[in-house]
């Protein structure tokens, strides 16, 4: 049977591993872990800064809305002044 023939073809590991590729693989894994840890720290720092800046962003948005309102009022005042000047001439 085909199943009986395959029993003799088992996978086995050879204990002889070249030292250079093993060291490089371990160094690469350690490097990745260090990189990921630093990246996590940077993300946490950015999140903290973002949370600190939220109130300031809200204030800037409100101030922007006030400036737009003041610009509209200024335009209306200028239009009224123009009408008064035209009537005076």
N, C-alpha and C. Protein backbone atom coordinates (compact mmCIF):
# COMPACT_ATOMS: atom_id res chain seq x y z
N UNK A 1 0.82 -1.18 0.00
CA UNK A 1 0.00 0.00 0.00
C UNK A 1 0.87 1.24 0.00
N UNK A 2 0.25 2.30 -0.49
CA UNK A 2 1.00 3.56 -0.59
C UNK A 2 1.27 4.14 0.80
N UNK A 3 0.36 3.94 1.74
CA UNK A 3 0.53 4.48 3.09
C UNK A 3 1.68 3.81 3.82
N UNK A 4 1.89 2.51 3.58
CA UNK A 4 2.98 1.79 4.23
C UNK A 4 4.33 2.26 3.72
N UNK A 5 4.40 2.58 2.45
CA UNK A 5 5.66 3.03 1.87
C UNK A 5 6.07 4.40 2.44
N UNK A 6 5.11 5.24 2.75
CA UNK A 6 5.42 6.60 3.22
C UNK A 6 5.91 6.60 4.66
N UNK A 7 5.62 5.57 5.42
CA UNK A 7 6.05 5.55 6.82
C UNK A 7 7.57 5.61 6.94
N UNK A 8 8.26 5.14 6.00
CA UNK A 8 9.71 5.17 6.03
C UNK A 8 10.28 6.53 5.65
N UNK A 9 9.47 7.43 5.07
CA UNK A 9 9.92 8.75 4.63
C UNK A 9 9.56 9.83 5.66
N UNK A 10 9.88 9.61 6.91
CA UNK A 10 9.56 10.60 7.94
C UNK A 10 10.55 11.75 7.88
N UNK A 11 10.04 12.92 8.25
CA UNK A 11 10.90 14.09 8.31
C UNK A 11 11.74 14.00 9.57
N UNK A 12 12.99 14.34 9.46
CA UNK A 12 13.87 14.36 10.63
C UNK A 12 14.72 15.63 10.56
N UNK A 13 15.15 16.10 11.74
CA UNK A 13 16.01 17.26 11.81
C UNK A 13 17.44 16.80 12.04
N UNK A 14 18.34 17.43 11.33
CA UNK A 14 19.75 17.15 11.53
C UNK A 14 20.26 18.12 12.58
N UNK A 15 21.01 17.65 13.56
CA UNK A 15 21.48 18.51 14.65
C UNK A 15 22.62 19.42 14.21
N UNK A 16 23.14 19.23 13.06
CA UNK A 16 24.25 20.08 12.60
C UNK A 16 23.67 21.33 11.95
N UNK A 17 23.81 22.47 12.64
CA UNK A 17 23.35 23.75 12.12
C UNK A 17 24.56 24.67 12.03
N UNK A 18 24.79 25.28 10.87
CA UNK A 18 25.91 26.22 10.77
C UNK A 18 25.71 27.39 11.75
N UNK A 19 26.76 27.76 12.43
CA UNK A 19 26.68 28.77 13.50
C UNK A 19 26.34 30.15 12.95
N UNK A 20 26.89 30.55 11.81
CA UNK A 20 26.69 31.89 11.27
C UNK A 20 25.20 32.16 10.97
N UNK A 21 24.51 31.32 10.23
CA UNK A 21 23.08 31.60 10.00
C UNK A 21 22.27 31.60 11.28
N UNK A 22 22.62 30.73 12.23
CA UNK A 22 21.88 30.70 13.50
C UNK A 22 22.06 32.00 14.26
N UNK A 23 23.30 32.48 14.33
CA UNK A 23 23.58 33.75 15.04
C UNK A 23 22.89 34.90 14.34
N UNK A 24 22.94 34.93 13.03
CA UNK A 24 22.29 36.01 12.28
C UNK A 24 20.78 35.99 12.48
N UNK A 25 20.20 34.81 12.50
CA UNK A 25 18.76 34.69 12.72
C UNK A 25 18.37 35.18 14.10
N UNK A 26 19.14 34.82 15.10
CA UNK A 26 18.88 35.27 16.47
C UNK A 26 19.07 36.77 16.57
N UNK A 27 20.12 37.31 15.96
CA UNK A 27 20.36 38.76 15.99
C UNK A 27 19.23 39.51 15.30
N UNK A 28 18.75 38.97 14.20
CA UNK A 28 17.65 39.61 13.49
C UNK A 28 16.38 39.60 14.34
N UNK A 29 16.12 38.51 15.01
CA UNK A 29 14.94 38.43 15.87
C UNK A 29 15.04 39.42 17.03
N UNK A 30 16.21 39.52 17.63
CA UNK A 30 16.41 40.49 18.72
C UNK A 30 16.26 41.90 18.20
N UNK A 31 16.80 42.18 17.04
CA UNK A 31 16.66 43.50 16.43
C UNK A 31 15.21 43.86 16.18
N UNK A 32 14.44 42.91 15.71
CA UNK A 32 13.02 43.16 15.46
C UNK A 32 12.29 43.46 16.76
N UNK A 33 12.60 42.73 17.83
CA UNK A 33 11.95 42.95 19.12
C UNK A 33 12.29 44.34 19.65
N UNK A 34 13.55 44.74 19.54
CA UNK A 34 13.97 46.07 19.99
C UNK A 34 13.27 47.15 19.17
N UNK A 35 13.22 46.96 17.86
CA UNK A 35 12.56 47.92 16.98
C UNK A 35 11.07 48.05 17.33
N UNK A 36 10.41 46.93 17.55
CA UNK A 36 8.99 46.95 17.89
C UNK A 36 8.76 47.64 19.23
N UNK A 37 9.64 47.42 20.19
CA UNK A 37 9.50 48.06 21.50
C UNK A 37 9.66 49.58 21.38
N UNK A 38 10.63 50.02 20.60
CA UNK A 38 10.83 51.46 20.40
C UNK A 38 9.64 52.07 19.66
N UNK A 39 9.13 51.35 18.69
CA UNK A 39 7.97 51.83 17.94
C UNK A 39 6.76 51.97 18.85
N UNK A 40 6.56 51.02 19.72
CA UNK A 40 5.46 51.07 20.68
C UNK A 40 5.60 52.30 21.58
N UNK A 41 6.82 52.57 22.03
CA UNK A 41 7.07 53.75 22.86
C UNK A 41 6.74 55.03 22.13
N UNK A 42 7.10 55.10 20.86
CA UNK A 42 6.81 56.30 20.07
C UNK A 42 5.31 56.48 19.89
N UNK A 43 4.59 55.39 19.66
CA UNK A 43 3.14 55.47 19.48
C UNK A 43 2.48 55.96 20.77
N UNK A 44 2.92 55.44 21.90
CA UNK A 44 2.36 55.86 23.19
C UNK A 44 2.61 57.35 23.41
N UNK A 45 3.81 57.81 23.09
CA UNK A 45 4.15 59.23 23.25
C UNK A 45 3.25 60.09 22.37
N UNK A 46 3.05 59.68 21.13
CA UNK A 46 2.19 60.45 20.23
C UNK A 46 0.74 60.47 20.71
N UNK A 47 0.27 59.36 21.24
CA UNK A 47 -1.09 59.31 21.78
C UNK A 47 -1.24 60.26 22.95
N UNK A 48 -0.26 60.29 23.84
CA UNK A 48 -0.31 61.18 24.99
C UNK A 48 -0.31 62.64 24.55
N UNK A 49 0.54 62.98 23.60
CA UNK A 49 0.58 64.36 23.09
C UNK A 49 -0.75 64.73 22.44
N UNK A 50 -1.31 63.80 21.70
CA UNK A 50 -2.59 64.05 21.03
C UNK A 50 -3.68 64.33 22.06
N UNK A 51 -3.72 63.55 23.12
CA UNK A 51 -4.72 63.76 24.16
C UNK A 51 -4.53 65.09 24.88
N UNK A 52 -3.27 65.49 25.08
CA UNK A 52 -2.99 66.78 25.71
C UNK A 52 -3.43 67.94 24.81
N UNK A 53 -3.32 67.77 23.51
CA UNK A 53 -3.61 68.85 22.57
C UNK A 53 -5.09 68.96 22.22
N UNK A 54 -5.91 67.99 22.59
CA UNK A 54 -7.33 68.04 22.23
C UNK A 54 -8.02 69.32 22.71
N UNK A 55 -7.85 69.73 23.98
CA UNK A 55 -8.49 70.97 24.41
C UNK A 55 -8.01 72.19 23.61
N UNK A 56 -6.73 72.20 23.27
CA UNK A 56 -6.20 73.32 22.49
C UNK A 56 -6.80 73.34 21.09
N UNK A 57 -6.98 72.19 20.51
CA UNK A 57 -7.57 72.11 19.18
C UNK A 57 -9.00 72.63 19.21
N UNK A 58 -9.73 72.26 20.26
CA UNK A 58 -11.10 72.75 20.39
C UNK A 58 -11.13 74.27 20.53
N UNK A 59 -10.19 74.82 21.30
CA UNK A 59 -10.12 76.28 21.46
C UNK A 59 -9.81 76.96 20.13
N UNK A 60 -8.91 76.39 19.37
CA UNK A 60 -8.55 76.97 18.08
C UNK A 60 -9.75 76.96 17.14
N UNK A 61 -10.53 75.89 17.16
CA UNK A 61 -11.71 75.81 16.31
C UNK A 61 -12.71 76.88 16.72
N UNK A 62 -12.92 77.05 18.03
CA UNK A 62 -13.86 78.08 18.49
C UNK A 62 -13.36 79.48 18.12
N UNK A 63 -12.06 79.71 18.27
CA UNK A 63 -11.51 81.01 17.91
C UNK A 63 -11.66 81.27 16.42
N UNK A 64 -11.47 80.25 15.62
CA UNK A 64 -11.63 80.39 14.18
C UNK A 64 -13.07 80.79 13.84
N UNK A 65 -14.02 80.16 14.51
CA UNK A 65 -15.42 80.50 14.29
C UNK A 65 -15.70 81.95 14.70
N UNK A 66 -15.10 82.39 15.80
CA UNK A 66 -15.28 83.78 16.25
C UNK A 66 -14.67 84.75 15.25
N UNK A 67 -13.52 84.41 14.71
CA UNK A 67 -12.87 85.28 13.73
C UNK A 67 -13.74 85.42 12.48
N UNK A 68 -14.33 84.32 12.05
CA UNK A 68 -15.21 84.37 10.88
C UNK A 68 -16.39 85.29 11.18
N UNK A 69 -16.96 85.18 12.38
CA UNK A 69 -18.07 86.06 12.76
C UNK A 69 -17.64 87.52 12.79
N UNK A 70 -16.46 87.80 13.32
CA UNK A 70 -15.96 89.17 13.37
C UNK A 70 -15.70 89.72 11.97
N UNK A 71 -15.22 88.88 11.08
CA UNK A 71 -15.01 89.32 9.70
C UNK A 71 -16.34 89.71 9.05
N UNK A 72 -17.38 88.93 9.29
CA UNK A 72 -18.70 89.25 8.75
C UNK A 72 -19.20 90.57 9.32
N UNK A 73 -19.02 90.76 10.64
CA UNK A 73 -19.45 92.02 11.26
C UNK A 73 -18.67 93.18 10.67
N UNK A 74 -17.38 93.01 10.48
CA UNK A 74 -16.54 94.06 9.91
C UNK A 74 -17.00 94.41 8.49
N UNK A 75 -17.36 93.41 7.71
CA UNK A 75 -17.85 93.67 6.36
C UNK A 75 -19.15 94.46 6.39
N UNK A 76 -20.04 94.10 7.32
CA UNK A 76 -21.32 94.83 7.43
C UNK A 76 -21.08 96.28 7.85
N UNK A 77 -20.16 96.49 8.78
CA UNK A 77 -19.84 97.86 9.21
C UNK A 77 -19.29 98.67 8.05
N UNK A 78 -18.39 98.04 7.27
CA UNK A 78 -17.82 98.75 6.12
C UNK A 78 -18.90 99.09 5.09
N UNK A 79 -19.83 98.18 4.87
CA UNK A 79 -20.92 98.45 3.93
C UNK A 79 -21.77 99.62 4.43
N UNK A 80 -22.06 99.66 5.72
CA UNK A 80 -22.86 100.76 6.27
C UNK A 80 -22.09 102.07 6.17
N UNK A 81 -20.79 102.05 6.44
CA UNK A 81 -19.99 103.26 6.31
C UNK A 81 -19.97 103.76 4.87
N UNK A 82 -19.86 102.82 3.92
CA UNK A 82 -19.89 103.21 2.52
C UNK A 82 -21.21 103.90 2.17
N UNK A 83 -22.32 103.38 2.68
CA UNK A 83 -23.64 103.99 2.42
C UNK A 83 -23.70 105.38 3.04
N UNK A 84 -23.18 105.53 4.26
CA UNK A 84 -23.21 106.84 4.92
C UNK A 84 -22.36 107.84 4.14
N UNK A 85 -21.20 107.39 3.67
CA UNK A 85 -20.32 108.28 2.90
C UNK A 85 -20.96 108.67 1.59
N UNK A 86 -21.62 107.73 0.92
CA UNK A 86 -22.29 108.02 -0.34
C UNK A 86 -23.42 109.03 -0.13
N UNK A 87 -24.17 108.92 0.93
CA UNK A 87 -25.27 109.86 1.23
C UNK A 87 -24.73 111.25 1.54
N UNK A 88 -23.56 111.30 2.15
CA UNK A 88 -22.97 112.58 2.51
C UNK A 88 -22.45 113.36 1.31
N UNK A 89 -22.11 112.73 0.24
CA UNK A 89 -21.56 113.43 -0.94
C UNK A 89 -22.63 113.90 -1.80
